[in-house]
Amino acid sequence: MNRAISFDTLAYAKKLIAAGFTERQAEVQAEALSEIIDKHIATNQDIRGLEVKLKEMEDRLKYELTVRLGAMIAASIAITVSLTLLSD
């Protein structure tokens, strides 16, 4: 996977070993953390993609609401005209 976040597993493992972890424990911990970063951390590209989708959704909703409001106004005018003509 092309990672946008740089994580130095070797340096991390060395720090764990210096803190008292065994070499195997440090390796497993570094690998696990690297997998978590790869799979679950949003990159700038991920966020930009979501921003584009949200903007498209916002534009679509504005259009739909404008159409609905226009239809309600037209219906209100039609009802008002009809009632006015019937009352005469």
N, C-alpha and C. Protein backbone atom coordinates (compact mmCIF):
# COMPACT_ATOMS: atom_id res chain seq x y z
N MET A 1 0.85 -1.19 0.00
CA MET A 1 0.00 0.00 0.00
C MET A 1 0.89 1.24 0.00
N ASN A 2 0.53 2.20 -0.82
CA ASN A 2 1.27 3.45 -0.85
C ASN A 2 0.83 4.30 0.34
N ARG A 3 1.68 4.38 1.31
CA ARG A 3 1.34 5.01 2.57
C ARG A 3 1.61 6.51 2.53
N ALA A 4 0.64 7.30 2.93
CA ALA A 4 0.82 8.74 2.98
C ALA A 4 1.43 9.16 4.32
N ILE A 5 1.34 8.28 5.30
CA ILE A 5 1.89 8.55 6.62
C ILE A 5 3.13 7.68 6.80
N SER A 6 4.24 8.32 7.12
CA SER A 6 5.50 7.59 7.29
C SER A 6 5.61 7.09 8.73
N PHE A 7 5.82 5.78 8.86
CA PHE A 7 5.98 5.20 10.19
C PHE A 7 7.20 4.29 10.15
N ASP A 8 8.21 4.62 10.91
CA ASP A 8 9.46 3.87 10.94
C ASP A 8 9.34 2.74 11.96
N THR A 9 9.02 1.54 11.46
CA THR A 9 8.81 0.40 12.35
C THR A 9 10.10 -0.01 13.06
N LEU A 10 11.24 0.12 12.38
CA LEU A 10 12.51 -0.26 12.99
C LEU A 10 12.85 0.66 14.17
N ALA A 11 12.70 1.96 13.96
CA ALA A 11 12.98 2.90 15.05
C ALA A 11 12.03 2.68 16.22
N TYR A 12 10.76 2.40 15.91
CA TYR A 12 9.78 2.14 16.96
C TYR A 12 10.14 0.88 17.73
N ALA A 13 10.52 -0.18 17.01
CA ALA A 13 10.90 -1.43 17.66
C ALA A 13 12.13 -1.23 18.54
N LYS A 14 13.09 -0.45 18.08
CA LYS A 14 14.30 -0.18 18.88
C LYS A 14 13.94 0.55 20.17
N LYS A 15 13.00 1.48 20.09
CA LYS A 15 12.57 2.20 21.30
C LYS A 15 11.89 1.24 22.28
N LEU A 16 11.09 0.32 21.75
CA LEU A 16 10.43 -0.65 22.62
C LEU A 16 11.46 -1.57 23.29
N ILE A 17 12.44 -2.01 22.53
CA ILE A 17 13.50 -2.87 23.09
C ILE A 17 14.24 -2.12 24.19
N ALA A 18 14.55 -0.84 23.94
CA ALA A 18 15.25 -0.03 24.94
C ALA A 18 14.40 0.14 26.20
N ALA A 19 13.08 0.07 26.04
CA ALA A 19 12.18 0.22 27.19
C ALA A 19 11.94 -1.09 27.92
N GLY A 20 12.51 -2.20 27.40
CA GLY A 20 12.38 -3.47 28.11
C GLY A 20 11.60 -4.55 27.39
N PHE A 21 11.08 -4.28 26.21
CA PHE A 21 10.39 -5.32 25.44
C PHE A 21 11.42 -6.29 24.87
N THR A 22 10.99 -7.53 24.65
CA THR A 22 11.86 -8.45 23.94
C THR A 22 11.86 -8.05 22.47
N GLU A 23 12.83 -8.56 21.73
CA GLU A 23 12.91 -8.22 20.30
C GLU A 23 11.65 -8.67 19.57
N ARG A 24 11.17 -9.86 19.89
CA ARG A 24 9.96 -10.39 19.23
C ARG A 24 8.73 -9.54 19.57
N GLN A 25 8.59 -9.18 20.85
CA GLN A 25 7.47 -8.33 21.26
C GLN A 25 7.50 -6.99 20.53
N ALA A 26 8.68 -6.42 20.43
CA ALA A 26 8.83 -5.12 19.77
C ALA A 26 8.48 -5.22 18.29
N GLU A 27 8.92 -6.30 17.63
CA GLU A 27 8.62 -6.50 16.21
C GLU A 27 7.11 -6.63 15.98
N VAL A 28 6.47 -7.45 16.80
CA VAL A 28 5.03 -7.67 16.65
C VAL A 28 4.27 -6.38 16.91
N GLN A 29 4.65 -5.66 17.94
CA GLN A 29 4.00 -4.38 18.26
C GLN A 29 4.17 -3.39 17.11
N ALA A 30 5.37 -3.29 16.56
CA ALA A 30 5.62 -2.37 15.45
C ALA A 30 4.81 -2.75 14.22
N GLU A 31 4.74 -4.04 13.92
CA GLU A 31 3.95 -4.51 12.76
C GLU A 31 2.46 -4.21 12.97
N ALA A 32 1.97 -4.47 14.18
CA ALA A 32 0.55 -4.24 14.47
C ALA A 32 0.21 -2.75 14.34
N LEU A 33 1.05 -1.90 14.88
CA LEU A 33 0.80 -0.47 14.80
C LEU A 33 0.87 0.02 13.35
N SER A 34 1.80 -0.52 12.59
CA SER A 34 1.91 -0.16 11.17
C SER A 34 0.65 -0.54 10.41
N GLU A 35 0.10 -1.72 10.69
CA GLU A 35 -1.15 -2.15 10.04
C GLU A 35 -2.31 -1.24 10.41
N ILE A 36 -2.38 -0.86 11.67
CA ILE A 36 -3.45 0.04 12.12
C ILE A 36 -3.36 1.38 11.39
N ILE A 37 -2.16 1.91 11.29
CA ILE A 37 -1.96 3.18 10.60
C ILE A 37 -2.37 3.05 9.14
N ASP A 38 -1.95 1.97 8.49
CA ASP A 38 -2.28 1.75 7.07
C ASP A 38 -3.78 1.65 6.83
N LYS A 39 -4.48 0.96 7.72
CA LYS A 39 -5.89 0.65 7.48
C LYS A 39 -6.87 1.68 8.02
N HIS A 40 -6.49 2.41 9.07
CA HIS A 40 -7.50 3.19 9.78
C HIS A 40 -7.23 4.69 9.87
N ILE A 41 -6.09 5.15 9.45
CA ILE A 41 -5.81 6.58 9.52
C ILE A 41 -6.16 7.21 8.19
N ALA A 42 -6.99 8.24 8.22
CA ALA A 42 -7.40 8.93 7.00
C ALA A 42 -6.25 9.80 6.50
N THR A 43 -6.00 9.72 5.20
CA THR A 43 -4.97 10.55 4.59
C THR A 43 -5.61 11.84 4.09
N ASN A 44 -4.78 12.79 3.71
CA ASN A 44 -5.30 14.03 3.12
C ASN A 44 -6.11 13.73 1.87
N GLN A 45 -5.67 12.75 1.09
CA GLN A 45 -6.39 12.37 -0.12
C GLN A 45 -7.77 11.82 0.23
N ASP A 46 -7.86 11.00 1.27
CA ASP A 46 -9.15 10.48 1.73
C ASP A 46 -10.08 11.63 2.11
N ILE A 47 -9.56 12.58 2.85
CA ILE A 47 -10.36 13.71 3.31
C ILE A 47 -10.81 14.57 2.14
N ARG A 48 -9.90 14.83 1.19
CA ARG A 48 -10.28 15.61 0.00
C ARG A 48 -11.38 14.92 -0.78
N GLY A 49 -11.30 13.60 -0.90
CA GLY A 49 -12.35 12.85 -1.60
C GLY A 49 -13.70 13.00 -0.91
N LEU A 50 -13.70 12.95 0.41
CA LEU A 50 -14.95 13.14 1.15
C LEU A 50 -15.49 14.56 1.01
N GLU A 51 -14.58 15.54 0.99
CA GLU A 51 -15.01 16.92 0.80
C GLU A 51 -15.71 17.09 -0.55
N VAL A 52 -15.15 16.48 -1.59
CA VAL A 52 -15.76 16.57 -2.93
C VAL A 52 -17.14 15.93 -2.91
N LYS A 53 -17.25 14.75 -2.30
CA LYS A 53 -18.55 14.07 -2.24
C LYS A 53 -19.58 14.89 -1.46
N LEU A 54 -19.15 15.49 -0.35
CA LEU A 54 -20.06 16.32 0.45
C LEU A 54 -20.52 17.55 -0.33
N LYS A 55 -19.61 18.17 -1.08
CA LYS A 55 -19.97 19.33 -1.88
C LYS A 55 -20.99 18.94 -2.95
N GLU A 56 -20.77 17.79 -3.61
CA GLU A 56 -21.72 17.31 -4.61
C GLU A 56 -23.09 17.06 -3.99
N MET A 57 -23.09 16.46 -2.80
CA MET A 57 -24.35 16.19 -2.10
C MET A 57 -25.05 17.50 -1.73
N GLU A 58 -24.28 18.46 -1.24
CA GLU A 58 -24.84 19.75 -0.87
C GLU A 58 -25.48 20.43 -2.09
N ASP A 59 -24.78 20.42 -3.22
CA ASP A 59 -25.32 21.03 -4.44
C ASP A 59 -26.60 20.34 -4.89
N ARG A 60 -26.61 19.01 -4.83
CA ARG A 60 -27.79 18.25 -5.24
C ARG A 60 -28.98 18.56 -4.33
N LEU A 61 -28.73 18.63 -3.02
CA LEU A 61 -29.80 18.94 -2.08
C LEU A 61 -30.34 20.36 -2.26
N LYS A 62 -29.45 21.30 -2.52
CA LYS A 62 -29.91 22.67 -2.79
C LYS A 62 -30.82 22.70 -4.00
N TYR A 63 -30.43 22.00 -5.05
CA TYR A 63 -31.24 21.95 -6.27
C TYR A 63 -32.61 21.33 -5.98
N GLU A 64 -32.60 20.18 -5.28
CA GLU A 64 -33.86 19.50 -4.98
C GLU A 64 -34.77 20.37 -4.12
N LEU A 65 -34.21 21.05 -3.14
CA LEU A 65 -35.02 21.92 -2.29
C LEU A 65 -35.57 23.12 -3.06
N THR A 66 -34.78 23.64 -3.97
CA THR A 66 -35.25 24.75 -4.80
C THR A 66 -36.42 24.32 -5.67
N VAL A 67 -36.30 23.14 -6.27
CA VAL A 67 -37.39 22.61 -7.10
C VAL A 67 -38.64 22.39 -6.27
N ARG A 68 -38.49 21.81 -5.10
CA ARG A 68 -39.66 21.56 -4.24
C ARG A 68 -40.31 22.86 -3.78
N LEU A 69 -39.49 23.83 -3.41
CA LEU A 69 -40.03 25.11 -2.98
C LEU A 69 -40.78 25.78 -4.13
N GLY A 70 -40.21 25.72 -5.32
CA GLY A 70 -40.88 26.28 -6.50
C GLY A 70 -42.21 25.60 -6.75
N ALA A 71 -42.25 24.29 -6.60
CA ALA A 71 -43.50 23.55 -6.80
C ALA A 71 -44.54 23.95 -5.75
N MET A 72 -44.11 24.12 -4.50
CA MET A 72 -45.05 24.53 -3.45
C MET A 72 -45.59 25.93 -3.71
N ILE A 73 -44.73 26.83 -4.16
CA ILE A 73 -45.18 28.20 -4.46
C ILE A 73 -46.17 28.18 -5.62
N ALA A 74 -45.85 27.41 -6.66
CA ALA A 74 -46.76 27.31 -7.81
C ALA A 74 -48.11 26.72 -7.39
N ALA A 75 -48.08 25.70 -6.55
CA ALA A 75 -49.32 25.09 -6.07
C ALA A 75 -50.12 26.08 -5.24
N SER A 76 -49.43 26.84 -4.40
CA SER A 76 -50.11 27.85 -3.57
C SER A 76 -50.78 28.91 -4.44
N ILE A 77 -50.08 29.35 -5.48
CA ILE A 77 -50.65 30.34 -6.39
C ILE A 77 -51.87 29.76 -7.10
N ALA A 78 -51.75 28.53 -7.57
CA ALA A 78 -52.86 27.89 -8.27
C ALA A 78 -54.08 27.75 -7.36
N ILE A 79 -53.85 27.35 -6.12
CA ILE A 79 -54.96 27.21 -5.17
C ILE A 79 -55.59 28.56 -4.88
N THR A 80 -54.76 29.57 -4.68
CA THR A 80 -55.27 30.92 -4.40
C THR A 80 -56.10 31.44 -5.57
N VAL A 81 -55.60 31.27 -6.79
CA VAL A 81 -56.35 31.72 -7.97
C VAL A 81 -57.66 30.95 -8.09
N SER A 82 -57.61 29.65 -7.88
CA SER A 82 -58.83 28.83 -7.97
C SER A 82 -59.86 29.27 -6.95
N LEU A 83 -59.44 29.48 -5.72
CA LEU A 83 -60.37 29.91 -4.68
C LEU A 83 -60.92 31.30 -4.96
N THR A 84 -60.10 32.16 -5.50
CA THR A 84 -60.56 33.51 -5.85
C THR A 84 -61.61 33.46 -6.95
N LEU A 85 -61.36 32.63 -7.96
CA LEU A 85 -62.32 32.50 -9.06
C LEU A 85 -63.62 31.85 -8.60
N LEU A 86 -63.53 30.89 -7.70
CA LEU A 86 -64.73 30.21 -7.20
C LEU A 86 -65.57 31.13 -6.31
N SER A 87 -64.92 32.03 -5.61
CA SER A 87 -65.66 32.91 -4.70
C SER A 87 -66.37 34.04 -5.43
N ASP A 88 -66.02 34.28 -6.67
CA ASP A 88 -66.67 35.36 -7.43
C ASP A 88 -67.96 34.95 -7.97
